[in-house]
């Protein structure tokens, strides 16, 4: 019996499309992408970038519409806490104890024709004091 390959998860494909669009937008804004889809046991961060010496931890939220509200609204307190743990581990892993850091959210709207709109929210939330 020959099994057909299952189609890829459309949500996963949409997320990858959004992350790619977000990375392009961040590069165009002058940032350097350091990591993409960074994962540790404690959590994951979609993109990690350098913005003039500031380490930027980016959550990318991609939607096909705004029926369920703005994508950034889905970055819950639990998600923020998990990101903070992962960000702390990343900074420790790199021995970047003295580097400034911030959390951004990038909303990506994908329309039916494939047109993308990217909205970058700098310093979207804070977990620890910044310097």
C-alpha atoms as a PDB file:
ATOM      1  CA  UNK A   1       0.000   0.000   0.000  1.00  0.00           C
ATOM      2  CA  UNK A   2       1.363   3.391  -1.015  1.00  0.00           C
ATOM      3  CA  UNK A   3       0.596   6.231   1.359  1.00  0.00           C
ATOM      4  CA  UNK A   4       0.229   9.741   0.077  1.00  0.00           C
ATOM      5  CA  UNK A   5       2.208  12.420   1.833  1.00  0.00           C
ATOM      6  CA  UNK A   6       0.063  14.490   4.122  1.00  0.00           C
ATOM      7  CA  UNK A   7      -0.224  18.141   3.177  1.00  0.00           C
ATOM      8  CA  UNK A   8       1.864  20.506   5.237  1.00  0.00           C
ATOM      9  CA  UNK A   9       0.133  22.232   8.128  1.00  0.00           C
ATOM     10  CA  UNK A  10      -1.277  25.449   6.620  1.00  0.00           C
ATOM     11  CA  UNK A  11      -0.822  27.304   9.923  1.00  0.00           C
ATOM     12  CA  UNK A  12       2.837  26.320  10.006  1.00  0.00           C
ATOM     13  CA  UNK A  13       3.305  27.475   6.426  1.00  0.00           C
ATOM     14  CA  UNK A  14       1.591  30.780   7.244  1.00  0.00           C
ATOM     15  CA  UNK A  15       3.849  31.242  10.286  1.00  0.00           C
ATOM     16  CA  UNK A  16       6.979  30.618   8.205  1.00  0.00           C
ATOM     17  CA  UNK A  17       5.751  33.085   5.578  1.00  0.00           C
ATOM     18  CA  UNK A  18       5.177  35.684   8.294  1.00  0.00           C
ATOM     19  CA  UNK A  19       8.591  35.137   9.864  1.00  0.00           C
ATOM     20  CA  UNK A  20      10.270  35.555   6.486  1.00  0.00           C
ATOM     21  CA  UNK A  21       8.344  38.792   5.819  1.00  0.00           C
ATOM     22  CA  UNK A  22       9.200  40.058   9.312  1.00  0.00           C
ATOM     23  CA  UNK A  23      12.906  39.308   8.809  1.00  0.00           C
ATOM     24  CA  UNK A  24      12.899  41.271   5.538  1.00  0.00           C
ATOM     25  CA  UNK A  25      11.169  44.236   7.217  1.00  0.00           C
ATOM     26  CA  UNK A  26      13.618  44.220  10.128  1.00  0.00           C
ATOM     27  CA  UNK A  27      16.607  44.107   7.766  1.00  0.00           C
ATOM     28  CA  UNK A  28      15.138  46.990   5.773  1.00  0.00           C
ATOM     29  CA  UNK A  29      14.863  48.906   9.071  1.00  0.00           C
ATOM     30  CA  UNK A  30      18.619  48.448   9.553  1.00  0.00           C
ATOM     31  CA  UNK A  31      18.615  45.487  11.929  1.00  0.00           C
ATOM     32  CA  UNK A  32      20.824  42.420  11.660  1.00  0.00           C
ATOM     33  CA  UNK A  33      19.104  39.067  12.140  1.00  0.00           C
ATOM     34  CA  UNK A  34      21.133  36.972  14.602  1.00  0.00           C
ATOM     35  CA  UNK A  35      18.851  33.964  14.970  1.00  0.00           C
ATOM     36  CA  UNK A  36      15.698  32.605  13.421  1.00  0.00           C
ATOM     37  CA  UNK A  37      13.368  30.183  15.228  1.00  0.00           C
ATOM     38  CA  UNK A  38      15.668  29.984  18.270  1.00  0.00           C
ATOM     39  CA  UNK A  39      14.563  27.135  20.531  1.00  0.00           C
ATOM     40  CA  UNK A  40      15.520  25.913  23.972  1.00  0.00           C
ATOM     41  CA  UNK A  41      13.699  23.649  26.371  1.00  0.00           C
ATOM     42  CA  UNK A  42      12.257  26.716  28.130  1.00  0.00           C
ATOM     43  CA  UNK A  43      10.716  28.197  24.976  1.00  0.00           C
ATOM     44  CA  UNK A  44      11.202  29.637  21.523  1.00  0.00           C
ATOM     45  CA  UNK A  45      11.783  33.050  20.019  1.00  0.00           C
ATOM     46  CA  UNK A  46      10.854  33.642  16.393  1.00  0.00           C
ATOM     47  CA  UNK A  47      13.622  36.116  15.555  1.00  0.00           C
ATOM     48  CA  UNK A  48      16.545  37.599  17.447  1.00  0.00           C
ATOM     49  CA  UNK A  49      18.079  40.724  15.963  1.00  0.00           C
ATOM     50  CA  UNK A  50      20.680  43.370  16.685  1.00  0.00           C
ATOM     51  CA  UNK A  51      19.492  46.973  16.480  1.00  0.00           C
ATOM     52  CA  UNK A  52      22.516  49.202  16.972  1.00  0.00           C
ATOM     53  CA  UNK A  53      23.872  47.118  19.841  1.00  0.00           C
ATOM     54  CA  UNK A  54      20.476  46.357  21.396  1.00  0.00           C
ATOM     55  CA  UNK A  55      19.476  42.684  21.341  1.00  0.00           C
ATOM     56  CA  UNK A  56      15.892  42.483  20.083  1.00  0.00           C
ATOM     57  CA  UNK A  57      13.735  39.437  20.809  1.00  0.00           C
ATOM     58  CA  UNK A  58      10.907  39.349  18.273  1.00  0.00           C
ATOM     59  CA  UNK A  59       7.589  37.530  18.380  1.00  0.00           C
ATOM     60  CA  UNK A  60       5.995  37.314  14.937  1.00  0.00           C
ATOM     61  CA  UNK A  61       2.228  36.942  14.679  1.00  0.00           C
ATOM     62  CA  UNK A  62       0.763  36.285  11.252  1.00  0.00           C
ATOM     63  CA  UNK A  63      -2.924  36.412  10.326  1.00  0.00           C
ATOM     64  CA  UNK A  64      -4.997  36.273   7.195  1.00  0.00           C
ATOM     65  CA  UNK A  65      -7.347  38.900   8.585  1.00  0.00           C
ATOM     66  CA  UNK A  66      -8.322  40.821  11.699  1.00  0.00           C
ATOM     67  CA  UNK A  67     -11.485  38.830  12.436  1.00  0.00           C
ATOM     68  CA  UNK A  68     -10.071  37.707  15.790  1.00  0.00           C
ATOM     69  CA  UNK A  69      -8.443  41.026  16.702  1.00  0.00           C
ATOM     70  CA  UNK A  70      -4.945  42.313  16.154  1.00  0.00           C
ATOM     71  CA  UNK A  71      -2.251  39.647  16.064  1.00  0.00           C
ATOM     72  CA  UNK A  72      -0.240  41.345  18.835  1.00  0.00           C
ATOM     73  CA  UNK A  73      -3.177  40.875  21.205  1.00  0.00           C
ATOM     74  CA  UNK A  74      -2.467  37.141  21.166  1.00  0.00           C
ATOM     75  CA  UNK A  75       0.907  37.611  22.869  1.00  0.00           C
ATOM     76  CA  UNK A  76      -0.347  36.602  26.295  1.00  0.00           C
ATOM     77  CA  UNK A  77       1.281  37.044  29.696  1.00  0.00           C
ATOM     78  CA  UNK A  78       2.248  33.358  29.590  1.00  0.00           C
ATOM     79  CA  UNK A  79       3.940  33.839  26.195  1.00  0.00           C
ATOM     80  CA  UNK A  80       5.752  36.965  27.427  1.00  0.00           C
ATOM     81  CA  UNK A  81       7.033  35.112  30.494  1.00  0.00           C
ATOM     82  CA  UNK A  82       8.234  32.177  28.364  1.00  0.00           C
ATOM     83  CA  UNK A  83       9.961  34.599  25.982  1.00  0.00           C
ATOM     84  CA  UNK A  84      11.670  36.301  28.929  1.00  0.00           C
ATOM     85  CA  UNK A  85      13.025  32.974  30.199  1.00  0.00           C
ATOM     86  CA  UNK A  86      14.297  32.071  26.749  1.00  0.00           C
ATOM     87  CA  UNK A  87      15.768  35.548  26.218  1.00  0.00           C
ATOM     88  CA  UNK A  88      17.594  35.362  29.556  1.00  0.00           C
ATOM     89  CA  UNK A  89      18.996  31.955  28.622  1.00  0.00           C
ATOM     90  CA  UNK A  90      20.097  33.289  25.226  1.00  0.00           C
ATOM     91  CA  UNK A  91      21.896  36.265  26.778  1.00  0.00           C
ATOM     92  CA  UNK A  92      23.578  33.968  29.286  1.00  0.00           C
ATOM     93  CA  UNK A  93      24.576  31.521  26.529  1.00  0.00           C
ATOM     94  CA  UNK A  94      26.282  34.378  24.633  1.00  0.00           C
ATOM     95  CA  UNK A  95      27.739  35.941  27.834  1.00  0.00           C
ATOM     96  CA  UNK A  96      25.956  39.171  26.909  1.00  0.00           C
ATOM     97  CA  UNK A  97      25.135  40.113  30.494  1.00  0.00           C
ATOM     98  CA  UNK A  98      25.662  43.840  29.954  1.00  0.00           C
ATOM     99  CA  UNK A  99      23.894  44.222  26.604  1.00  0.00           C
ATOM    100  CA  UNK A 100      20.624  46.088  26.469  1.00  0.00           C
ATOM    101  CA  UNK A 101      17.652  44.113  25.241  1.00  0.00           C
ATOM    102  CA  UNK A 102      14.032  44.680  24.276  1.00  0.00           C
ATOM    103  CA  UNK A 103      10.987  42.754  23.111  1.00  0.00           C
ATOM    104  CA  UNK A 104       9.281  43.617  19.834  1.00  0.00           C
ATOM    105  CA  UNK A 105       6.229  42.180  18.127  1.00  0.00           C
ATOM    106  CA  UNK A 106       5.830  42.081  14.361  1.00  0.00           C
ATOM    107  CA  UNK A 107       2.317  41.673  12.998  1.00  0.00           C
ATOM    108  CA  UNK A 108       2.056  40.299   9.474  1.00  0.00           C
ATOM    109  CA  UNK A 109      -1.251  40.405   7.607  1.00  0.00           C
ATOM    110  CA  UNK A 110      -1.432  38.177   4.537  1.00  0.00           C
ATOM    111  CA  UNK A 111      -4.222  39.061   2.116  1.00  0.00           C
ATOM    112  CA  UNK A 112      -5.857  36.699  -0.388  1.00  0.00           C
ATOM    113  CA  UNK A 113      -3.709  37.834  -3.312  1.00  0.00           C
ATOM    114  CA  UNK A 114      -0.560  37.155  -1.289  1.00  0.00           C
ATOM    115  CA  UNK A 115       0.029  40.830  -0.486  1.00  0.00           C
ATOM    116  CA  UNK A 116       1.627  41.256   2.943  1.00  0.00           C
ATOM    117  CA  UNK A 117       1.365  44.143   5.353  1.00  0.00           C
ATOM    118  CA  UNK A 118       3.956  44.256   8.127  1.00  0.00           C
ATOM    119  CA  UNK A 119       3.508  46.278  11.318  1.00  0.00           C
ATOM    120  CA  UNK A 120       6.531  46.447  13.648  1.00  0.00           C
ATOM    121  CA  UNK A 121       5.799  47.270  17.299  1.00  0.00           C
ATOM    122  CA  UNK A 122       9.074  48.306  18.924  1.00  0.00           C
ATOM    123  CA  UNK A 123       9.438  47.763  22.665  1.00  0.00           C
ATOM    124  CA  UNK A 124       6.036  46.024  22.671  1.00  0.00           C
ATOM    125  CA  UNK A 125       6.343  44.878  26.275  1.00  0.00           C
ATOM    126  CA  UNK A 126       8.816  44.885  29.129  1.00  0.00           C
ATOM    127  CA  UNK A 127       9.772  42.114  31.470  1.00  0.00           C
ATOM    128  CA  UNK A 128      12.793  43.536  33.251  1.00  0.00           C
ATOM    129  CA  UNK A 129      14.174  47.052  33.721  1.00  0.00           C
ATOM    130  CA  UNK A 130      16.034  48.442  30.725  1.00  0.00           C
ATOM    131  CA  UNK A 131      19.182  50.540  30.801  1.00  0.00           C
END
